[in-house]
C-alpha atoms as a PDB file:
ATOM      1  CA  MET A   1     141.792 160.876 166.066  1.00  0.00           C
ATOM      2  CA  SER A   2     144.218 161.396 163.601  1.00  0.00           C
ATOM      3  CA  SER A   3     145.080 160.091 160.003  1.00  0.00           C
ATOM      4  CA  ILE A   4     148.200 158.596 158.020  1.00  0.00           C
ATOM      5  CA  CYS A   5     147.231 160.413 154.981  1.00  0.00           C
ATOM      6  CA  GLY A   6     146.378 163.733 156.581  1.00  0.00           C
ATOM      7  CA  ALA A   7     142.581 163.422 155.849  1.00  0.00           C
ATOM      8  CA  GLU A   8     140.901 165.623 158.245  1.00  0.00           C
ATOM      9  CA  CYS A   9     138.796 162.894 160.289  1.00  0.00           C
ATOM     10  CA  ASN A  10     137.515 164.899 163.137  1.00  0.00           C
ATOM     11  CA  GLY A  11     134.012 165.466 163.381  1.00  0.00           C
ATOM     12  CA  CYS A  12     133.063 162.708 160.651  1.00  0.00           C
ATOM     13  CA  LYS A  13     129.697 161.552 161.552  1.00  0.00           C
ATOM     14  CA  TYR A  14     129.951 158.419 159.534  1.00  0.00           C
ATOM     15  CA  GLY A  15     132.892 157.379 161.432  1.00  0.00           C
ATOM     16  CA  GLU A  16     131.585 158.395 164.848  1.00  0.00           C
ATOM     17  CA  ASN A  17     128.418 156.167 164.093  1.00  0.00           C
ATOM     18  CA  ASN A  18     129.884 153.336 162.512  1.00  0.00           C
ATOM     19  CA  GLY A  19     132.854 152.142 164.885  1.00  0.00           C
ATOM     20  CA  CYS A  20     135.821 154.062 163.740  1.00  0.00           C
ATOM     21  CA  GLN A  21     138.331 153.216 165.712  1.00  0.00           C
ATOM     22  CA  GLY A  22     140.972 155.789 163.761  1.00  0.00           C
ATOM     23  CA  CYS A  23     143.396 155.535 160.984  1.00  0.00           C
ATOM     24  CA  SER A  24     146.724 156.163 163.310  1.00  0.00           C
ATOM     25  CA  GLU A  25     145.246 154.397 165.943  1.00  0.00           C
ATOM     26  CA  THR A  26     144.469 151.085 164.178  1.00  0.00           C
ATOM     27  CA  CYS A  27     147.764 151.350 161.984  1.00  0.00           C
ATOM     28  CA  GLY A  28     145.578 152.218 158.976  1.00  0.00           C
ATOM     29  CA  CYS A  29     142.288 150.051 159.451  1.00  0.00           C
ATOM     30  CA  PRO A  30     139.873 152.425 160.857  1.00  0.00           C
ATOM     31  CA  PHE A  31     136.856 150.010 159.891  1.00  0.00           C
ATOM     32  CA  GLY A  32     138.312 146.741 160.197  1.00  0.00           C
ATOM     33  CA  LYS A  33     140.028 146.458 156.924  1.00  0.00           C
ATOM     34  CA  GLN A  34     143.428 147.838 155.881  1.00  0.00           C
ATOM     35  CA  CYS A  35     143.073 151.419 154.033  1.00  0.00           C
ATOM     36  CA  PHE A  36     145.083 151.200 150.980  1.00  0.00           C
ATOM     37  CA  VAL A  37     146.217 154.627 151.329  1.00  0.00           C
ATOM     38  CA  ALA A  38     147.446 154.334 154.842  1.00  0.00           C
ATOM     39  CA  LYS A  39     149.367 151.071 153.754  1.00  0.00           C
ATOM     40  CA  TYR A  40     150.833 152.796 150.649  1.00  0.00           C
ATOM     41  CA  ILE A  41     152.162 155.472 153.089  1.00  0.00           C
ATOM     42  CA  LEU A  42     153.240 153.076 155.844  1.00  0.00           C
ATOM     43  CA  THR A  43     155.004 150.766 153.391  1.00  0.00           C
ATOM     44  CA  GLY A  44     156.693 153.367 151.154  1.00  0.00           C
ATOM     45  CA  GLY A  45     156.297 156.529 152.880  1.00  0.00           C
ATOM     46  CA  LYS A  46     154.559 159.829 151.699  1.00  0.00           C
ATOM     47  CA  ASP A  47     156.779 160.798 149.044  1.00  0.00           C
ATOM     48  CA  LYS A  48     156.322 157.573 147.355  1.00  0.00           C
ATOM     49  CA  TYR A  49     152.645 158.084 147.857  1.00  0.00           C
ATOM     50  CA  GLU A  50     152.533 161.410 146.511  1.00  0.00           C
ATOM     51  CA  GLU A  51     154.514 159.959 143.480  1.00  0.00           C
ATOM     52  CA  PHE A  52     151.638 157.441 143.041  1.00  0.00           C
ATOM     53  CA  LYS A  53     148.829 160.146 143.185  1.00  0.00           C
ATOM     54  CA  LYS A  54     150.711 161.935 140.540  1.00  0.00           C
ATOM     55  CA  GLN A  55     150.866 158.663 138.329  1.00  0.00           C
ATOM     56  CA  LEU A  56     147.313 158.288 138.901  1.00  0.00           C
ATOM     57  CA  ILE A  57     146.290 161.906 137.911  1.00  0.00           C
ATOM     58  CA  ASN A  58     148.231 161.410 134.672  1.00  0.00           C
ATOM     59  CA  GLU A  59     146.485 158.074 133.827  1.00  0.00           C
ATOM     60  CA  ILE A  60     143.109 159.779 134.464  1.00  0.00           C
ATOM     61  CA  ASN A  61     143.743 162.961 132.485  1.00  0.00           C
ATOM     62  CA  ASP A  62     145.387 160.887 129.497  1.00  0.00           C
ATOM     63  CA  LEU A  63     141.637 159.667 129.476  1.00  0.00           C
ATOM     64  CA  LYS A  64     140.512 162.836 127.485  1.00  0.00           C
ATOM     65  CA  ILE A  65     137.145 162.348 128.560  1.00  0.00           C
ATOM     66  CA  ASP A  66     134.650 164.827 126.768  1.00  0.00           C
ATOM     67  CA  GLY A  67     133.784 167.653 129.130  1.00  0.00           C
ATOM     68  CA  MET A  68     135.951 166.825 132.184  1.00  0.00           C
ATOM     69  CA  PRO A  69     138.696 169.744 132.573  1.00  0.00           C
ATOM     70  CA  GLN A  70     142.007 168.374 133.933  1.00  0.00           C
ATOM     71  CA  ILE A  71     142.451 166.576 137.500  1.00  0.00           C
ATOM     72  CA  LYS A  72     144.717 168.288 139.752  1.00  0.00           C
ATOM     73  CA  GLU A  73     144.342 166.557 142.991  1.00  0.00           C
ATOM     74  CA  LEU A  74     142.981 163.311 144.223  1.00  0.00           C
ATOM     75  CA  ASN A  75     141.605 163.301 147.834  1.00  0.00           C
ATOM     76  CA  PRO A  76     141.097 160.089 150.079  1.00  0.00           C
ATOM     77  CA  LEU A  77     137.083 159.804 150.408  1.00  0.00           C
ATOM     78  CA  ASN A  78     135.174 156.909 152.383  1.00  0.00           C
ATOM     79  CA  GLY A  79     133.047 154.594 149.965  1.00  0.00           C
ATOM     80  CA  ILE A  80     129.950 155.460 152.085  1.00  0.00           C
ATOM     81  CA  PHE A  81     130.155 158.870 150.706  1.00  0.00           C
ATOM     82  CA  VAL A  82     130.662 158.092 146.916  1.00  0.00           C
ATOM     83  CA  ASN A  83     129.443 154.681 146.407  1.00  0.00           C
ATOM     84  CA  LEU A  84     126.320 155.553 144.125  1.00  0.00           C
ATOM     85  CA  ASN A  85     123.877 153.325 142.920  1.00  0.00           C
ATOM     86  CA  TYR A  86     123.951 153.274 138.775  1.00  0.00           C
ATOM     87  CA  PRO A  87     121.302 152.148 136.780  1.00  0.00           C
ATOM     88  CA  LEU A  88     122.398 149.319 134.161  1.00  0.00           C
ATOM     89  CA  SER A  89     120.629 148.757 130.758  1.00  0.00           C
ATOM     90  CA  ASN A  90     118.636 145.506 131.957  1.00  0.00           C
ATOM     91  CA  GLY A  91     116.850 147.789 134.506  1.00  0.00           C
ATOM     92  CA  GLN A  92     118.916 146.851 137.863  1.00  0.00           C
ATOM     93  CA  ASN A  93     121.146 149.206 139.638  1.00  0.00           C
ATOM     94  CA  VAL A  94     124.602 148.410 140.687  1.00  0.00           C
ATOM     95  CA  LYS A  95     127.161 149.536 143.451  1.00  0.00           C
ATOM     96  CA  PHE A  96     130.639 148.965 142.404  1.00  0.00           C
ATOM     97  CA  LEU A  97     132.347 150.109 145.447  1.00  0.00           C
ATOM     98  CA  ASP A  98     132.983 149.250 148.963  1.00  0.00           C
ATOM     99  CA  ASP A  99     131.069 151.375 151.587  1.00  0.00           C
ATOM    100  CA  LYS A 100     133.863 150.674 154.045  1.00  0.00           C
ATOM    101  CA  ASP A 101     136.851 150.866 152.009  1.00  0.00           C
ATOM    102  CA  VAL A 102     138.811 154.255 151.193  1.00  0.00           C
ATOM    103  CA  TYR A 103     139.310 155.453 147.521  1.00  0.00           C
ATOM    104  CA  LEU A 104     141.000 158.166 146.005  1.00  0.00           C
ATOM    105  CA  GLY A 105     138.861 160.678 144.032  1.00  0.00           C
ATOM    106  CA  ASN A 106     137.579 164.232 143.272  1.00  0.00           C
ATOM    107  CA  GLN A 107     134.360 165.792 141.875  1.00  0.00           C
ATOM    108  CA  VAL A 108     134.730 168.270 139.231  1.00  0.00           C
ATOM    109  CA  GLU A 109     132.034 170.388 137.306  1.00  0.00           C
ATOM    110  CA  SER A 110     131.553 169.925 133.669  1.00  0.00           C
ATOM    111  CA  VAL A 111     132.919 172.215 131.250  1.00  0.00           C
ATOM    112  CA  PHE A 112     129.467 172.251 129.106  1.00  0.00           C
ATOM    113  CA  ASN A 113     127.473 173.447 132.263  1.00  0.00           C
ATOM    114  CA  ASP A 114     125.381 175.886 130.863  1.00  0.00           C
ATOM    115  CA  GLY A 115     123.884 177.592 134.402  1.00  0.00           C
ATOM    116  CA  GLU A 116     120.855 175.585 133.891  1.00  0.00           C
ATOM    117  CA  THR A 117     122.196 172.100 133.564  1.00  0.00           C
ATOM    118  CA  ILE A 118     124.754 170.922 135.938  1.00  0.00           C
ATOM    119  CA  ARG A 119     126.544 167.725 135.743  1.00  0.00           C
ATOM    120  CA  CYS A 120     129.425 166.711 137.801  1.00  0.00           C
ATOM    121  CA  PHE A 121     132.320 164.388 137.029  1.00  0.00           C
ATOM    122  CA  GLY A 122     133.131 162.095 139.615  1.00  0.00           C
ATOM    123  CA  ILE A 123     136.348 160.550 139.952  1.00  0.00           C
ATOM    124  CA  LEU A 124     137.508 157.372 142.142  1.00  0.00           C
ATOM    125  CA  ALA A 125     140.309 155.295 142.243  1.00  0.00           C
ATOM    126  CA  ASN A 126     142.684 152.803 144.064  1.00  0.00           C
ATOM    127  CA  MET A 127     145.591 150.476 143.401  1.00  0.00           C
ATOM    128  CA  ASP A 128     143.468 148.389 140.940  1.00  0.00           C
ATOM    129  CA  PHE A 129     140.705 150.668 138.911  1.00  0.00           C
ATOM    130  CA  ILE A 130     139.815 154.034 137.843  1.00  0.00           C
ATOM    131  CA  LEU A 131     136.040 154.941 137.794  1.00  0.00           C
ATOM    132  CA  VAL A 132     134.542 157.942 136.092  1.00  0.00           C
ATOM    133  CA  SER A 133     130.890 158.949 136.544  1.00  0.00           C
ATOM    134  CA  GLU A 134     128.955 161.886 135.474  1.00  0.00           C
ATOM    135  CA  TYR A 135     125.856 162.839 137.784  1.00  0.00           C
ATOM    136  CA  GLY A 136     123.561 166.021 138.653  1.00  0.00           C
ATOM    137  CA  PRO A 137     123.268 167.410 142.061  1.00  0.00           C
ATOM    138  CA  ASN A 138     123.678 165.393 145.015  1.00  0.00           C
ATOM    139  CA  GLY A 139     125.091 162.560 142.677  1.00  0.00           C
ATOM    140  CA  ASP A 140     121.472 162.349 140.801  1.00  0.00           C
ATOM    141  CA  ASN A 141     121.186 160.371 137.963  1.00  0.00           C
ATOM    142  CA  PRO A 142     124.335 158.884 137.837  1.00  0.00           C
ATOM    143  CA  GLU A 143     125.865 157.854 134.456  1.00  0.00           C
ATOM    144  CA  LEU A 144     128.929 155.549 134.667  1.00  0.00           C
ATOM    145  CA  ILE A 145     131.508 156.897 132.108  1.00  0.00           C
ATOM    146  CA  ILE A 146     134.489 154.586 132.644  1.00  0.00           C
ATOM    147  CA  TYR A 147     135.395 151.552 134.982  1.00  0.00           C
ATOM    148  CA  LYS A 148     138.763 150.723 133.845  1.00  0.00           C
ATOM    149  CA  LYS A 149     141.213 148.282 135.441  1.00  0.00           C
ATOM    150  CA  ARG A 150     144.899 149.626 135.785  1.00  0.00           C
END
């Protein structure tokens, strides 16, 4: 299988086990719904997509979140791998993403890590929002830092 955006999809166990039909083979609808990254590339081309990513990276860095290093790259990520369950103050846990959507994202270690405490920032975005969270190893104890409409 090949992807429109350049992501390496071969060997993805989630796709193999959940009916992924391939990105290029389905015109950007590997899980039955349109991937915004593929749609962006198919509509405007790779150059416009790269411009969009740069703009998004600038928006994320302009948030100036304490302890988060500058973001230099965003990668296409399937929601199933990044859709964390966030605890709310009322005791409920909520997922904000769709497991079958693709997001642009990255993970960076907090600059405040001291060797004992390891915390990471997870950055996810699409055309409509930016989500930044902080969590421990394996996504443990996630905390929503910002969910911002674009």
